[in-house]
């Protein structure tokens, strides 16, 4: 399960970086009229990619921490990519659920050993 979470996390990182490149490539230039440039939005999306990468790596060691990294990446990515976030955000959501389930399985297995 942890390797599947890691794989989904890496896919979400790649999708997030591609979304950041679309945002940075002047796809959302109309937002610049409000004082927010597309470069600033791209930095936000790349920050989400960094959190997703951290979550992917931590999924192998600390699944609960990884799940919260995926949550943070999902929330941050929405503010940077708007509607473009639907696909990377959905993959991040699946990664987050897998990490939470992995943590629950570890907790249940630990409780069974003690009993």
PDB file of N, CA and C in Angstrom:
ATOM      1  N   UNK A   1       0.826  -1.193   0.000  1.00  0.00           N
ATOM      2  CA  UNK A   1       0.000   0.000   0.000  1.00  0.00           C
ATOM      3  C   UNK A   1       0.871   1.259   0.000  1.00  0.00           C
ATOM      4  N   UNK A   2       1.993   1.198   0.728  1.00  0.00           N
ATOM      5  CA  UNK A   2       2.820   2.408   0.789  1.00  0.00           C
ATOM      6  C   UNK A   2       3.465   2.719  -0.560  1.00  0.00           C
ATOM      7  N   UNK A   3       3.781   1.678  -1.339  1.00  0.00           N
ATOM      8  CA  UNK A   3       4.368   1.930  -2.652  1.00  0.00           C
ATOM      9  C   UNK A   3       3.335   2.486  -3.622  1.00  0.00           C
ATOM     10  N   UNK A   4       2.097   2.048  -3.481  1.00  0.00           N
ATOM     11  CA  UNK A   4       1.030   2.606  -4.323  1.00  0.00           C
ATOM     12  C   UNK A   4       0.796   4.073  -3.977  1.00  0.00           C
ATOM     13  N   UNK A   5       0.825   4.390  -2.689  1.00  0.00           N
ATOM     14  CA  UNK A   5       0.679   5.783  -2.260  1.00  0.00           C
ATOM     15  C   UNK A   5       1.831   6.623  -2.797  1.00  0.00           C
ATOM     16  N   UNK A   6       3.036   6.073  -2.726  1.00  0.00           N
ATOM     17  CA  UNK A   6       4.212   6.760  -3.258  1.00  0.00           C
ATOM     18  C   UNK A   6       4.049   7.008  -4.760  1.00  0.00           C
ATOM     19  N   UNK A   7       3.595   5.991  -5.501  1.00  0.00           N
ATOM     20  CA  UNK A   7       3.431   6.125  -6.950  1.00  0.00           C
ATOM     21  C   UNK A   7       2.370   7.171  -7.293  1.00  0.00           C
ATOM     22  N   UNK A   8       1.231   7.132  -6.600  1.00  0.00           N
ATOM     23  CA  UNK A   8       0.197   8.138  -6.842  1.00  0.00           C
ATOM     24  C   UNK A   8       0.716   9.530  -6.493  1.00  0.00           C
ATOM     25  N   UNK A   9       1.508   9.631  -5.442  1.00  0.00           N
ATOM     26  CA  UNK A   9       2.078  10.921  -5.064  1.00  0.00           C
ATOM     27  C   UNK A   9       3.009  11.472  -6.126  1.00  0.00           C
ATOM     28  N   UNK A  10       3.842  10.611  -6.694  1.00  0.00           N
ATOM     29  CA  UNK A  10       4.761  11.047  -7.747  1.00  0.00           C
ATOM     30  C   UNK A  10       3.982  11.483  -8.992  1.00  0.00           C
ATOM     31  N   UNK A  11       2.929  10.752  -9.331  1.00  0.00           N
ATOM     32  CA  UNK A  11       2.084  11.158 -10.464  1.00  0.00           C
ATOM     33  C   UNK A  11       1.469  12.526 -10.191  1.00  0.00           C
ATOM     34  N   UNK A  12       1.024  12.738  -8.959  1.00  0.00           N
ATOM     35  CA  UNK A  12       0.431  14.043  -8.626  1.00  0.00           C
ATOM     36  C   UNK A  12       1.471  15.158  -8.686  1.00  0.00           C
ATOM     37  N   UNK A  13       2.712  14.859  -8.321  1.00  0.00           N
ATOM     38  CA  UNK A  13       3.776  15.864  -8.428  1.00  0.00           C
ATOM     39  C   UNK A  13       3.981  16.244  -9.894  1.00  0.00           C
ATOM     40  N   UNK A  14       4.045  15.250 -10.766  1.00  0.00           N
ATOM     41  CA  UNK A  14       4.235  15.534 -12.193  1.00  0.00           C
ATOM     42  C   UNK A  14       3.071  16.339 -12.759  1.00  0.00           C
ATOM     43  N   UNK A  15       1.851  15.971 -12.392  1.00  0.00           N
ATOM     44  CA  UNK A  15       0.686  16.722 -12.867  1.00  0.00           C
ATOM     45  C   UNK A  15       0.684  18.143 -12.322  1.00  0.00           C
ATOM     46  N   UNK A  16       1.118  18.302 -11.077  1.00  0.00           N
ATOM     47  CA  UNK A  16       1.157  19.630 -10.471  1.00  0.00           C
ATOM     48  C   UNK A  16       2.197  20.507 -11.160  1.00  0.00           C
ATOM     49  N   UNK A  17       3.353  19.938 -11.470  1.00  0.00           N
ATOM     50  CA  UNK A  17       4.386  20.706 -12.174  1.00  0.00           C
ATOM     51  C   UNK A  17       3.901  21.096 -13.574  1.00  0.00           C
ATOM     52  N   UNK A  18       3.229  20.174 -14.257  1.00  0.00           N
ATOM     53  CA  UNK A  18       2.690  20.519 -15.581  1.00  0.00           C
ATOM     54  C   UNK A  18       1.636  21.618 -15.478  1.00  0.00           C
ATOM     55  N   UNK A  19       0.815  21.568 -14.443  1.00  0.00           N
ATOM     56  CA  UNK A  19      -0.172  22.629 -14.230  1.00  0.00           C
ATOM     57  C   UNK A  19       0.525  23.950 -13.953  1.00  0.00           C
ATOM     58  N   UNK A  20       1.602  23.914 -13.173  1.00  0.00           N
ATOM     59  CA  UNK A  20       2.373  25.127 -12.916  1.00  0.00           C
ATOM     60  C   UNK A  20       2.970  25.713 -14.182  1.00  0.00           C
ATOM     61  N   UNK A  21       3.423  24.844 -15.083  1.00  0.00           N
ATOM     62  CA  UNK A  21       3.967  25.328 -16.351  1.00  0.00           C
ATOM     63  C   UNK A  21       2.886  25.971 -17.210  1.00  0.00           C
ATOM     64  N   UNK A  22       1.686  25.415 -17.173  1.00  0.00           N
ATOM     65  CA  UNK A  22       0.578  26.024 -17.921  1.00  0.00           C
ATOM     66  C   UNK A  22       0.248  27.391 -17.344  1.00  0.00           C
ATOM     67  N   UNK A  23       0.191  27.465 -16.016  1.00  0.00           N
ATOM     68  CA  UNK A  23      -0.115  28.745 -15.364  1.00  0.00           C
ATOM     69  C   UNK A  23       0.979  29.759 -15.660  1.00  0.00           C
ATOM     70  N   UNK A  24       2.233  29.326 -15.574  1.00  0.00           N
ATOM     71  CA  UNK A  24       3.357  30.231 -15.812  1.00  0.00           C
ATOM     72  C   UNK A  24       3.423  30.664 -17.273  1.00  0.00           C
ATOM     73  N   UNK A  25       2.923  29.841 -18.167  1.00  0.00           N
ATOM     74  CA  UNK A  25       2.974  30.143 -19.593  1.00  0.00           C
ATOM     75  C   UNK A  25       1.906  31.113 -20.042  1.00  0.00           C
ATOM     76  N   UNK A  26       1.504  31.996 -19.180  1.00  0.00           N
ATOM     77  CA  UNK A  26       0.557  33.076 -19.497  1.00  0.00           C
ATOM     78  C   UNK A  26      -0.845  32.586 -19.827  1.00  0.00           C
ATOM     79  N   UNK A  27      -1.186  31.389 -19.375  1.00  0.00           N
ATOM     80  CA  UNK A  27      -2.534  30.893 -19.624  1.00  0.00           C
ATOM     81  C   UNK A  27      -3.564  31.704 -18.839  1.00  0.00           C
ATOM     82  N   UNK A  28      -3.160  32.201 -17.683  1.00  0.00           N
ATOM     83  CA  UNK A  28      -4.078  32.973 -16.852  1.00  0.00           C
ATOM     84  C   UNK A  28      -3.669  34.436 -16.804  1.00  0.00           C
ATOM     85  N   UNK A  29      -3.355  35.009 -17.938  1.00  0.00           N
ATOM     86  CA  UNK A  29      -2.903  36.395 -17.992  1.00  0.00           C
ATOM     87  C   UNK A  29      -3.995  37.354 -17.528  1.00  0.00           C
ATOM     88  N   UNK A  30      -5.250  36.978 -17.725  1.00  0.00           N
ATOM     89  CA  UNK A  30      -6.340  37.870 -17.332  1.00  0.00           C
ATOM     90  C   UNK A  30      -6.354  38.143 -15.834  1.00  0.00           C
ATOM     91  N   UNK A  31      -5.717  37.291 -15.044  1.00  0.00           N
ATOM     92  CA  UNK A  31      -5.656  37.507 -13.603  1.00  0.00           C
ATOM     93  C   UNK A  31      -4.713  38.661 -13.280  1.00  0.00           C
ATOM     94  N   UNK A  32      -3.777  38.953 -14.187  1.00  0.00           N
ATOM     95  CA  UNK A  32      -2.795  40.007 -13.949  1.00  0.00           C
ATOM     96  C   UNK A  32      -3.450  41.373 -13.799  1.00  0.00           C
ATOM     97  N   UNK A  33      -4.623  41.547 -14.349  1.00  0.00           N
ATOM     98  CA  UNK A  33      -5.296  42.844 -14.220  1.00  0.00           C
ATOM     99  C   UNK A  33      -5.716  43.128 -12.785  1.00  0.00           C
ATOM    100  N   UNK A  34      -5.819  42.086 -11.967  1.00  0.00           N
ATOM    101  CA  UNK A  34      -6.196  42.290 -10.567  1.00  0.00           C
ATOM    102  C   UNK A  34      -4.978  42.499  -9.669  1.00  0.00           C
ATOM    103  N   UNK A  35      -3.796  42.557 -10.240  1.00  0.00           N
ATOM    104  CA  UNK A  35      -2.585  42.792  -9.460  1.00  0.00           C
ATOM    105  C   UNK A  35      -1.823  41.521  -9.143  1.00  0.00           C
ATOM    106  N   UNK A  36      -2.388  40.369  -9.427  1.00  0.00           N
ATOM    107  CA  UNK A  36      -1.715  39.097  -9.199  1.00  0.00           C
ATOM    108  C   UNK A  36      -1.211  38.588 -10.537  1.00  0.00           C
ATOM    109  N   UNK A  37       0.079  38.431 -10.657  1.00  0.00           N
ATOM    110  CA  UNK A  37       0.638  37.974 -11.928  1.00  0.00           C
ATOM    111  C   UNK A  37       0.641  36.454 -11.982  1.00  0.00           C
ATOM    112  N   UNK A  38       0.737  35.941 -13.189  1.00  0.00           N
ATOM    113  CA  UNK A  38       0.739  34.496 -13.350  1.00  0.00           C
ATOM    114  C   UNK A  38       2.023  33.870 -12.807  1.00  0.00           C
ATOM    115  N   UNK A  39       3.108  34.644 -12.708  1.00  0.00           N
ATOM    116  CA  UNK A  39       4.328  34.109 -12.105  1.00  0.00           C
ATOM    117  C   UNK A  39       4.118  33.836 -10.618  1.00  0.00           C
ATOM    118  N   UNK A  40       3.402  34.729  -9.944  1.00  0.00           N
ATOM    119  CA  UNK A  40       3.116  34.506  -8.525  1.00  0.00           C
ATOM    120  C   UNK A  40       2.233  33.282  -8.338  1.00  0.00           C
ATOM    121  N   UNK A  41       1.268  33.120  -9.219  1.00  0.00           N
ATOM    122  CA  UNK A  41       0.401  31.950  -9.138  1.00  0.00           C
ATOM    123  C   UNK A  41       1.187  30.670  -9.408  1.00  0.00           C
ATOM    124  N   UNK A  42       2.128  30.719 -10.339  1.00  0.00           N
ATOM    125  CA  UNK A  42       2.944  29.546 -10.638  1.00  0.00           C
ATOM    126  C   UNK A  42       3.800  29.161  -9.443  1.00  0.00           C
ATOM    127  N   UNK A  43       4.310  30.142  -8.714  1.00  0.00           N
ATOM    128  CA  UNK A  43       5.100  29.849  -7.511  1.00  0.00           C
ATOM    129  C   UNK A  43       4.237  29.122  -6.486  1.00  0.00           C
ATOM    130  N   UNK A  44       2.982  29.523  -6.369  1.00  0.00           N
ATOM    131  CA  UNK A  44       2.069  28.844  -5.445  1.00  0.00           C
ATOM    132  C   UNK A  44       1.873  27.391  -5.874  1.00  0.00           C
ATOM    133  N   UNK A  45       1.695  27.164  -7.166  1.00  0.00           N
ATOM    134  CA  UNK A  45       1.493  25.801  -7.665  1.00  0.00           C
ATOM    135  C   UNK A  45       2.758  24.971  -7.472  1.00  0.00           C
ATOM    136  N   UNK A  46       3.929  25.566  -7.694  1.00  0.00           N
ATOM    137  CA  UNK A  46       5.176  24.833  -7.466  1.00  0.00           C
ATOM    138  C   UNK A  46       5.364  24.516  -5.982  1.00  0.00           C
ATOM    139  N   UNK A  47       4.891  25.389  -5.112  1.00  0.00           N
ATOM    140  CA  UNK A  47       4.907  25.083  -3.678  1.00  0.00           C
ATOM    141  C   UNK A  47       4.037  23.883  -3.367  1.00  0.00           C
ATOM    142  N   UNK A  48       2.893  23.793  -4.033  1.00  0.00           N
ATOM    143  CA  UNK A  48       2.028  22.620  -3.866  1.00  0.00           C
ATOM    144  C   UNK A  48       2.733  21.362  -4.364  1.00  0.00           C
ATOM    145  N   UNK A  49       3.486  21.487  -5.454  1.00  0.00           N
ATOM    146  CA  UNK A  49       4.239  20.341  -5.971  1.00  0.00           C
ATOM    147  C   UNK A  49       5.306  19.904  -4.974  1.00  0.00           C
ATOM    148  N   UNK A  50       5.955  20.864  -4.329  1.00  0.00           N
ATOM    149  CA  UNK A  50       6.969  20.527  -3.323  1.00  0.00           C
ATOM    150  C   UNK A  50       6.335  19.800  -2.137  1.00  0.00           C
ATOM    151  N   UNK A  51       5.161  20.262  -1.704  1.00  0.00           N
ATOM    152  CA  UNK A  51       4.472  19.579  -0.602  1.00  0.00           C
ATOM    153  C   UNK A  51       4.041  18.174  -1.017  1.00  0.00           C
ATOM    154  N   UNK A  52       3.604  18.022  -2.262  1.00  0.00           N
ATOM    155  CA  UNK A  52       3.211  16.701  -2.751  1.00  0.00           C
ATOM    156  C   UNK A  52       4.418  15.772  -2.830  1.00  0.00           C
ATOM    157  N   UNK A  53       5.570  16.307  -3.229  1.00  0.00           N
ATOM    158  CA  UNK A  53       6.789  15.498  -3.270  1.00  0.00           C
ATOM    159  C   UNK A  53       7.196  15.069  -1.868  1.00  0.00           C
ATOM    160  N   UNK A  54       7.132  15.995  -0.925  1.00  0.00           N
ATOM    161  CA  UNK A  54       7.431  15.647   0.466  1.00  0.00           C
ATOM    162  C   UNK A  54       6.470  14.574   0.966  1.00  0.00           C
ATOM    163  N   UNK A  55       5.191  14.725   0.649  1.00  0.00           N
ATOM    164  CA  UNK A  55       4.207  13.724   1.053  1.00  0.00           C
ATOM    165  C   UNK A  55       4.471  12.372   0.417  1.00  0.00           C
ATOM    166  N   UNK A  56       4.890  12.373  -0.840  1.00  0.00           N
ATOM    167  CA  UNK A  56       5.179  11.111  -1.527  1.00  0.00           C
ATOM    168  C   UNK A  56       6.327  10.370  -0.864  1.00  0.00           C
ATOM    169  N   UNK A  57       7.359  11.095  -0.517  1.00  0.00           N
ATOM    170  CA  UNK A  57       8.511  10.466   0.141  1.00  0.00           C
ATOM    171  C   UNK A  57       8.135  10.003   1.539  1.00  0.00           C
ATOM    172  N   UNK A  58       7.411  10.837   2.258  1.00  0.00           N
ATOM    173  CA  UNK A  58       7.034  10.480   3.628  1.00  0.00           C
ATOM    174  C   UNK A  58       6.004   9.353   3.679  1.00  0.00           C
ATOM    175  N   UNK A  59       5.317   9.076   2.563  1.00  0.00           N
ATOM    176  CA  UNK A  59       4.357   7.966   2.530  1.00  0.00           C
ATOM    177  C   UNK A  59       5.047   6.636   2.795  1.00  0.00           C
ATOM    178  N   UNK A  60       6.334   6.576   2.516  1.00  0.00           N
ATOM    179  CA  UNK A  60       7.080   5.344   2.763  1.00  0.00           C
ATOM    180  C   UNK A  60       7.439   5.171   4.235  1.00  0.00           C
ATOM    181  N   UNK A  61       7.467   6.264   4.995  1.00  0.00           N
ATOM    182  CA  UNK A  61       7.923   6.203   6.379  1.00  0.00           C
ATOM    183  C   UNK A  61       6.857   6.618   7.391  1.00  0.00           C
ATOM    184  N   UNK A  62       6.193   7.735   7.141  1.00  0.00           N
ATOM    185  CA  UNK A  62       5.212   8.306   8.069  1.00  0.00           C
ATOM    186  C   UNK A  62       3.923   8.613   7.317  1.00  0.00           C
ATOM    187  N   UNK A  63       3.005   7.650   7.221  1.00  0.00           N
ATOM    188  CA  UNK A  63       1.819   7.865   6.387  1.00  0.00           C
ATOM    189  C   UNK A  63       0.904   8.993   6.862  1.00  0.00           C
ATOM    190  N   UNK A  64       0.786   9.202   8.155  1.00  0.00           N
ATOM    191  CA  UNK A  64      -0.090  10.286   8.620  1.00  0.00           C
ATOM    192  C   UNK A  64       0.485  11.645   8.223  1.00  0.00           C
ATOM    193  N   UNK A  65       1.782  11.819   8.379  1.00  0.00           N
ATOM    194  CA  UNK A  65       2.434  13.061   7.959  1.00  0.00           C
ATOM    195  C   UNK A  65       2.272  13.255   6.453  1.00  0.00           C
ATOM    196  N   UNK A  66       2.407  12.164   5.699  1.00  0.00           N
ATOM    197  CA  UNK A  66       2.236  12.238   4.243  1.00  0.00           C
ATOM    198  C   UNK A  66       0.824  12.671   3.878  1.00  0.00           C
ATOM    199  N   UNK A  67      -0.156  12.125   4.576  1.00  0.00           N
ATOM    200  CA  UNK A  67      -1.548  12.484   4.281  1.00  0.00           C
ATOM    201  C   UNK A  67      -1.789  13.971   4.512  1.00  0.00           C
ATOM    202  N   UNK A  68      -1.233  14.512   5.587  1.00  0.00           N
ATOM    203  CA  UNK A  68      -1.419  15.944   5.851  1.00  0.00           C
ATOM    204  C   UNK A  68      -0.650  16.804   4.852  1.00  0.00           C
ATOM    205  N   UNK A  69       0.490  16.318   4.365  1.00  0.00           N
ATOM    206  CA  UNK A  69       1.202  17.041   3.292  1.00  0.00           C
ATOM    207  C   UNK A  69       0.352  17.096   2.029  1.00  0.00           C
ATOM    208  N   UNK A  70      -0.331  15.984   1.721  1.00  0.00           N
ATOM    209  CA  UNK A  70      -1.211  15.963   0.556  1.00  0.00           C
ATOM    210  C   UNK A  70      -2.391  16.913   0.741  1.00  0.00           C
ATOM    211  N   UNK A  71      -2.917  16.992   1.958  1.00  0.00           N
ATOM    212  CA  UNK A  71      -4.024  17.922   2.231  1.00  0.00           C
ATOM    213  C   UNK A  71      -3.564  19.359   1.992  1.00  0.00           C
ATOM    214  N   UNK A  72      -2.399  19.710   2.538  1.00  0.00           N
ATOM    215  CA  UNK A  72      -1.868  21.069   2.375  1.00  0.00           C
ATOM    216  C   UNK A  72      -1.615  21.367   0.899  1.00  0.00           C
ATOM    217  N   UNK A  73      -1.031  20.407   0.182  1.00  0.00           N
ATOM    218  CA  UNK A  73      -0.773  20.609  -1.249  1.00  0.00           C
ATOM    219  C   UNK A  73      -2.077  20.815  -2.019  1.00  0.00           C
ATOM    220  N   UNK A  74      -3.106  20.079  -1.650  1.00  0.00           N
ATOM    221  CA  UNK A  74      -4.399  20.231  -2.335  1.00  0.00           C
ATOM    222  C   UNK A  74      -4.985  21.611  -2.116  1.00  0.00           C
ATOM    223  N   UNK A  75      -4.941  22.080  -0.885  1.00  0.00           N
ATOM    224  CA  UNK A  75      -5.523  23.385  -0.569  1.00  0.00           C
ATOM    225  C   UNK A  75      -4.717  24.506  -1.220  1.00  0.00           C
ATOM    226  N   UNK A  76      -3.399  24.421  -1.148  1.00  0.00           N
ATOM    227  CA  UNK A  76      -2.544  25.460  -1.737  1.00  0.00           C
ATOM    228  C   UNK A  76      -2.696  25.484  -3.256  1.00  0.00           C
ATOM    229  N   UNK A  77      -2.771  24.317  -3.872  1.00  0.00           N
ATOM    230  CA  UNK A  77      -2.889  24.248  -5.322  1.00  0.00           C
ATOM    231  C   UNK A  77      -4.150  24.882  -5.866  1.00  0.00           C
ATOM    232  N   UNK A  78      -5.231  24.793  -5.113  1.00  0.00           N
ATOM    233  CA  UNK A  78      -6.488  25.405  -5.558  1.00  0.00           C
ATOM    234  C   UNK A  78      -6.328  26.909  -5.711  1.00  0.00           C
ATOM    235  N   UNK A  79      -5.599  27.537  -4.800  1.00  0.00           N
ATOM    236  CA  UNK A  79      -5.423  28.985  -4.862  1.00  0.00           C
ATOM    237  C   UNK A  79      -4.502  29.410  -5.998  1.00  0.00           C
ATOM    238  N   UNK A  80      -3.639  28.515  -6.457  1.00  0.00           N
ATOM    239  CA  UNK A  80      -2.721  28.877  -7.528  1.00  0.00           C
ATOM    240  C   UNK A  80      -3.204  28.537  -8.916  1.00  0.00           C
ATOM    241  N   UNK A  81      -4.043  27.511  -9.038  1.00  0.00           N
ATOM    242  CA  UNK A  81      -4.409  27.037 -10.372  1.00  0.00           C
ATOM    243  C   UNK A  81      -5.894  27.145 -10.694  1.00  0.00           C
ATOM    244  N   UNK A  82      -6.709  27.457  -9.720  1.00  0.00           N
ATOM    245  CA  UNK A  82      -8.152  27.613  -9.944  1.00  0.00           C
ATOM    246  C   UNK A  82      -8.739  26.357 -10.592  1.00  0.00           C
ATOM    247  N   UNK A  83      -9.425  26.496 -11.732  1.00  0.00           N
ATOM    248  CA  UNK A  83     -10.085  25.356 -12.379  1.00  0.00           C
ATOM    249  C   UNK A  83      -9.102  24.334 -12.931  1.00  0.00           C
ATOM    250  N   UNK A  84      -7.893  24.751 -13.222  1.00  0.00           N
ATOM    251  CA  UNK A  84      -6.894  23.816 -13.738  1.00  0.00           C
ATOM    252  C   UNK A  84      -6.493  22.781 -12.696  1.00  0.00           C
ATOM    253  N   UNK A  85      -6.894  22.987 -11.451  1.00  0.00           N
ATOM    254  CA  UNK A  85      -6.461  22.126 -10.366  1.00  0.00           C
ATOM    255  C   UNK A  85      -7.282  20.846 -10.265  1.00  0.00           C
ATOM    256  N   UNK A  86      -8.326  20.710 -11.051  1.00  0.00           N
ATOM    257  CA  UNK A  86      -9.223  19.561 -10.896  1.00  0.00           C
ATOM    258  C   UNK A  86      -8.509  18.225 -11.058  1.00  0.00           C
ATOM    259  N   UNK A  87      -7.708  18.062 -12.085  1.00  0.00           N
ATOM    260  CA  UNK A  87      -7.065  16.764 -12.295  1.00  0.00           C
ATOM    261  C   UNK A  87      -5.931  16.502 -11.303  1.00  0.00           C
ATOM    262  N   UNK A  88      -4.956  17.414 -11.131  1.00  0.00           N
ATOM    263  CA  UNK A  88      -3.923  17.129 -10.128  1.00  0.00           C
ATOM    264  C   UNK A  88      -4.503  17.040  -8.722  1.00  0.00           C
ATOM    265  N   UNK A  89      -5.515  17.842  -8.445  1.00  0.00           N
ATOM    266  CA  UNK A  89      -6.128  17.807  -7.117  1.00  0.00           C
ATOM    267  C   UNK A  89      -6.824  16.494  -6.834  1.00  0.00           C
ATOM    268  N   UNK A  90      -7.432  15.903  -7.856  1.00  0.00           N
ATOM    269  CA  UNK A  90      -8.107  14.624  -7.641  1.00  0.00           C
ATOM    270  C   UNK A  90      -7.098  13.505  -7.394  1.00  0.00           C
ATOM    271  N   UNK A  91      -5.962  13.537  -8.079  1.00  0.00           N
ATOM    272  CA  UNK A  91      -4.922  12.534  -7.827  1.00  0.00           C
ATOM    273  C   UNK A  91      -4.330  12.734  -6.431  1.00  0.00           C
ATOM    274  N   UNK A  92      -4.145  13.981  -6.024  1.00  0.00           N
ATOM    275  CA  UNK A  92      -3.675  14.249  -4.663  1.00  0.00           C
ATOM    276  C   UNK A  92      -4.680  13.758  -3.630  1.00  0.00           C
ATOM    277  N   UNK A  93      -5.957  13.910  -3.916  1.00  0.00           N
ATOM    278  CA  UNK A  93      -6.988  13.447  -2.994  1.00  0.00           C
ATOM    279  C   UNK A  93      -6.921  11.927  -2.821  1.00  0.00           C
ATOM    280  N   UNK A  94      -6.738  11.200  -3.921  1.00  0.00           N
ATOM    281  CA  UNK A  94      -6.606   9.744  -3.838  1.00  0.00           C
ATOM    282  C   UNK A  94      -5.363   9.375  -3.035  1.00  0.00           C
ATOM    283  N   UNK A  95      -4.259  10.076  -3.244  1.00  0.00           N
ATOM    284  CA  UNK A  95      -3.033   9.823  -2.483  1.00  0.00           C
ATOM    285  C   UNK A  95      -3.259  10.072  -0.999  1.00  0.00           C
ATOM    286  N   UNK A  96      -3.987  11.138  -0.685  1.00  0.00           N
ATOM    287  CA  UNK A  96      -4.269  11.466   0.709  1.00  0.00           C
ATOM    288  C   UNK A  96      -5.096  10.361   1.360  1.00  0.00           C
ATOM    289  N   UNK A  97      -6.136   9.892   0.686  1.00  0.00           N
ATOM    290  CA  UNK A  97      -6.978   8.826   1.236  1.00  0.00           C
ATOM    291  C   UNK A  97      -6.160   7.555   1.434  1.00  0.00           C
ATOM    292  N   UNK A  98      -5.307   7.224   0.469  1.00  0.00           N
ATOM    293  CA  UNK A  98      -4.474   6.028   0.599  1.00  0.00           C
ATOM    294  C   UNK A  98      -3.529   6.139   1.786  1.00  0.00           C
ATOM    295  N   UNK A  99      -2.974   7.322   2.019  1.00  0.00           N
ATOM    296  CA  UNK A  99      -2.069   7.507   3.155  1.00  0.00           C
ATOM    297  C   UNK A  99      -2.827   7.398   4.476  1.00  0.00           C
ATOM    298  N   UNK A 100      -4.021   7.974   4.551  1.00  0.00           N
ATOM    299  CA  UNK A 100      -4.811   7.843   5.774  1.00  0.00           C
ATOM    300  C   UNK A 100      -5.208   6.389   6.022  1.00  0.00           C
ATOM    301  N   UNK A 101      -5.579   5.650   4.969  1.00  0.00           N
ATOM    302  CA  UNK A 101      -5.940   4.238   5.121  1.00  0.00           C
ATOM    303  C   UNK A 101      -4.730   3.430   5.558  1.00  0.00           C
ATOM    304  N   UNK A 102      -3.581   3.742   4.999  1.00  0.00           N
ATOM    305  CA  UNK A 102      -2.352   3.052   5.379  1.00  0.00           C
ATOM    306  C   UNK A 102      -2.065   3.263   6.856  1.00  0.00           C
ATOM    307  N   UNK A 103      -2.263   4.470   7.341  1.00  0.00           N
ATOM    308  CA  UNK A 103      -2.044   4.761   8.754  1.00  0.00           C
ATOM    309  C   UNK A 103      -3.043   3.994   9.614  1.00  0.00           C
ATOM    310  N   UNK A 104      -4.285   3.906   9.174  1.00  0.00           N
ATOM    311  CA  UNK A 104      -5.301   3.175   9.923  1.00  0.00           C
ATOM    312  C   UNK A 104      -4.955   1.694   9.986  1.00  0.00           C
ATOM    313  N   UNK A 105      -4.452   1.138   8.885  1.00  0.00           N
ATOM    314  CA  UNK A 105      -4.051  -0.267   8.877  1.00  0.00           C
ATOM    315  C   UNK A 105      -2.901  -0.512   9.846  1.00  0.00           C
ATOM    316  N   UNK A 106      -1.936   0.401   9.907  1.00  0.00           N
ATOM    317  CA  UNK A 106      -0.827   0.251  10.843  1.00  0.00           C
ATOM    318  C   UNK A 106      -1.315   0.318  12.279  1.00  0.00           C
ATOM    319  N   UNK A 107      -2.226   1.228  12.567  1.00  0.00           N
ATOM    320  CA  UNK A 107      -2.758   1.370  13.916  1.00  0.00           C
ATOM    321  C   UNK A 107      -3.535   0.124  14.311  1.00  0.00           C
ATOM    322  N   UNK A 108      -4.342  -0.404  13.408  1.00  0.00           N
ATOM    323  CA  UNK A 108      -5.123  -1.606  13.687  1.00  0.00           C
ATOM    324  C   UNK A 108      -4.207  -2.804  13.883  1.00  0.00           C
ATOM    325  N   UNK A 109      -3.168  -2.926  13.078  1.00  0.00           N
ATOM    326  CA  UNK A 109      -2.225  -4.033  13.216  1.00  0.00           C
ATOM    327  C   UNK A 109      -1.493  -3.945  14.547  1.00  0.00           C
ATOM    328  N   UNK A 110      -1.151  -2.736  14.977  1.00  0.00           N
ATOM    329  CA  UNK A 110      -0.488  -2.556  16.269  1.00  0.00           C
ATOM    330  C   UNK A 110      -1.400  -2.919  17.424  1.00  0.00           C
ATOM    331  N   UNK A 111      -2.681  -2.616  17.306  1.00  0.00           N
ATOM    332  CA  UNK A 111      -3.639  -2.954  18.359  1.00  0.00           C
ATOM    333  C   UNK A 111      -3.853  -4.459  18.422  1.00  0.00           C
ATOM    334  N   UNK A 112      -3.820  -5.142  17.276  1.00  0.00           N
ATOM    335  CA  UNK A 112      -3.986  -6.595  17.257  1.00  0.00           C
ATOM    336  C   UNK A 112      -2.800  -7.295  17.909  1.00  0.00           C
ATOM    337  N   UNK A 113      -1.598  -6.752  17.747  1.00  0.00           N
ATOM    338  CA  UNK A 113      -0.414  -7.352  18.354  1.00  0.00           C
ATOM    339  C   UNK A 113      -0.440  -7.228  19.868  1.00  0.00           C
ATOM    340  N   UNK A 114      -0.972  -6.119  20.369  1.00  0.00           N
ATOM    341  CA  UNK A 114      -1.025  -5.904  21.812  1.00  0.00           C
ATOM    342  C   UNK A 114      -2.076  -6.783  22.476  1.00  0.00           C
ATOM    343  N   UNK A 115      -3.113  -7.155  21.753  1.00  0.00           N
ATOM    344  CA  UNK A 115      -4.220  -7.923  22.338  1.00  0.00           C
ATOM    345  C   UNK A 115      -3.913  -9.389  22.458  1.00  0.00           C
TER     346      UNK A 115
END
